[in-house]
Protein backbone atom coordinates (compact mmCIF):
# COMPACT_ATOMS: atom_id res chain seq x y z
CA MET A 1 4.77 15.51 -3.44
CA THR A 2 1.78 13.23 -4.03
CA ARG A 3 2.24 9.56 -4.78
CA LYS A 4 1.18 10.15 -8.36
CA GLU A 5 3.81 12.89 -8.70
CA LYS A 6 6.41 10.63 -7.07
CA ALA A 7 5.61 7.80 -9.49
CA LEU A 8 5.77 10.05 -12.54
CA ALA A 9 8.96 11.74 -11.33
CA SER A 10 10.73 8.38 -11.07
CA PHE A 11 9.33 6.86 -14.28
CA ARG A 12 12.10 6.98 -16.89
CA GLN A 13 13.47 10.11 -15.20
CA GLN A 14 16.90 10.65 -13.66
CA PRO A 15 18.20 9.76 -11.19
CA LEU A 16 16.13 6.56 -10.74
CA CYS A 17 14.93 5.83 -14.31
CA LEU A 18 12.39 3.22 -13.16
CA ASN A 19 10.08 1.28 -15.44
CA CYS A 20 6.30 1.62 -15.08
CA ALA A 21 5.93 -1.19 -12.53
CA GLN A 22 8.86 -0.03 -10.45
CA ALA A 23 7.61 3.57 -10.45
CA VAL A 24 4.27 2.52 -8.95
CA ALA A 25 6.02 0.43 -6.27
CA HIS A 26 8.41 3.30 -5.51
CA ALA A 27 5.50 5.74 -5.10
CA PHE A 28 4.11 3.53 -2.34
CA ASP A 29 7.50 3.08 -0.66
CA ARG A 30 7.54 -0.60 -1.60
CA GLU A 31 11.27 -0.69 -2.24
CA ASP A 32 11.10 -4.45 -1.61
CA LEU A 33 9.21 -4.74 -4.91
CA VAL A 34 11.28 -2.31 -6.96
CA SER A 35 14.02 -4.83 -7.76
CA VAL A 36 11.51 -7.68 -8.17
CA LEU A 37 9.59 -5.64 -10.77
CA ARG A 38 12.75 -4.82 -12.75
CA THR A 39 11.59 -7.01 -15.66
CA ALA A 40 7.86 -6.21 -15.46
CA GLY A 41 7.90 -3.08 -17.63
CA GLY A 42 7.52 -2.76 -21.37
CA GLY A 43 4.85 -5.41 -21.75
CA ASN A 44 6.85 -8.04 -19.89
CA ALA A 45 4.56 -8.42 -16.87
CA PRO A 46 2.82 -11.81 -16.54
CA ASP A 47 0.12 -12.41 -19.17
CA GLY A 48 1.22 -9.23 -20.98
CA LEU A 49 -0.40 -7.04 -18.34
CA CYS A 50 0.48 -3.39 -18.14
CA GLY A 51 3.43 -3.22 -15.75
CA ALA A 52 1.88 -0.38 -13.76
CA LEU A 53 -1.28 -2.43 -13.28
CA HIS A 54 0.78 -5.50 -12.37
CA ALA A 55 2.57 -3.52 -9.66
CA ALA A 56 -0.72 -2.16 -8.33
CA LEU A 57 -2.07 -5.71 -8.09
CA GLN A 58 1.04 -6.82 -6.20
CA ILE A 59 0.65 -3.96 -3.73
CA CYS A 60 -3.10 -4.05 -3.11
CA GLY A 61 -3.45 -7.72 -2.17
CA LYS A 62 -5.69 -10.50 -3.43
CA GLU A 63 -9.00 -9.18 -2.14
CA ALA A 64 -8.71 -5.76 -3.79
CA ALA A 65 -6.98 -6.96 -6.97
CA PRO A 66 -10.14 -7.67 -9.03
CA LYS A 67 -11.54 -4.26 -8.13
CA ILE A 68 -8.31 -2.49 -9.14
CA ALA A 69 -8.05 -4.44 -12.40
CA GLU A 70 -11.66 -3.70 -13.33
CA ALA A 71 -11.33 0.00 -12.53
CA PHE A 72 -8.10 0.22 -14.54
CA GLU A 73 -9.74 -1.42 -17.55
CA LYS A 74 -12.86 0.72 -17.21
CA LYS A 75 -10.78 3.92 -17.23
CA LEU A 76 -8.23 3.01 -19.93
CA GLY A 77 -10.06 0.37 -21.97
CA TYR A 78 -7.58 -2.48 -21.57
CA ARG A 79 -5.37 -4.33 -19.09
CA ARG A 80 -2.69 -5.63 -21.43
CA CYS A 81 0.25 -3.44 -22.40
CA LEU A 82 0.08 -4.23 -26.10
CA ASN A 83 -3.59 -3.26 -26.32
CA LEU A 84 -3.04 -0.10 -24.31
CA LYS A 85 -0.23 1.02 -26.61
CA LYS A 86 -1.31 -0.28 -29.99
CA ASP A 87 -5.11 -0.19 -29.89
CA ALA A 88 -5.88 2.63 -27.46
CA ARG A 89 -2.62 4.59 -27.86
CA ILE A 90 -2.48 5.23 -24.12
CA PRO A 91 0.95 6.57 -23.12
CA CYS A 92 2.84 4.84 -20.33
CA PRO A 93 2.72 7.85 -17.97
CA ALA A 94 -1.10 7.70 -18.09
CA CYS A 95 -0.97 4.03 -17.04
CA VAL A 96 1.41 4.85 -14.18
CA ALA A 97 -0.82 7.71 -13.05
CA THR A 98 -3.99 5.60 -13.24
CA ALA A 99 -2.53 2.66 -11.31
CA THR A 100 -1.22 5.02 -8.63
CA GLU A 101 -4.54 6.87 -8.34
CA LEU A 102 -6.48 3.61 -8.00
CA LEU A 103 -4.18 2.42 -5.21
CA GLU A 104 -4.54 5.76 -3.44
CA THR A 105 -8.31 5.40 -3.61
CA LEU A 106 -8.07 2.11 -1.74
CA GLU A 107 -6.19 3.79 1.09
CA ALA A 108 -8.66 6.66 1.42
């Protein structure tokens, strides 16, 4: 199973039922972040960021964070959850997949 598949399989799916941020952390075996990110889904990440993007920024580190954020926005049009949902109508699974793919690119 790829990391993207692992993230999507745990996002709102039994048995884990993780939010978007937790699903990204889980895909990268960052179980230390899963509980911390419990409240970061559903537009509740700091500054209204997409939770999946917020998790990716927590995982990638400070040096890579601007690059990840820019690539996320370039691909999906926005960084904030509200804009992604309301303006662009991007579904949450697409945000989870994008954040996971961008993190995988860093590791390659």
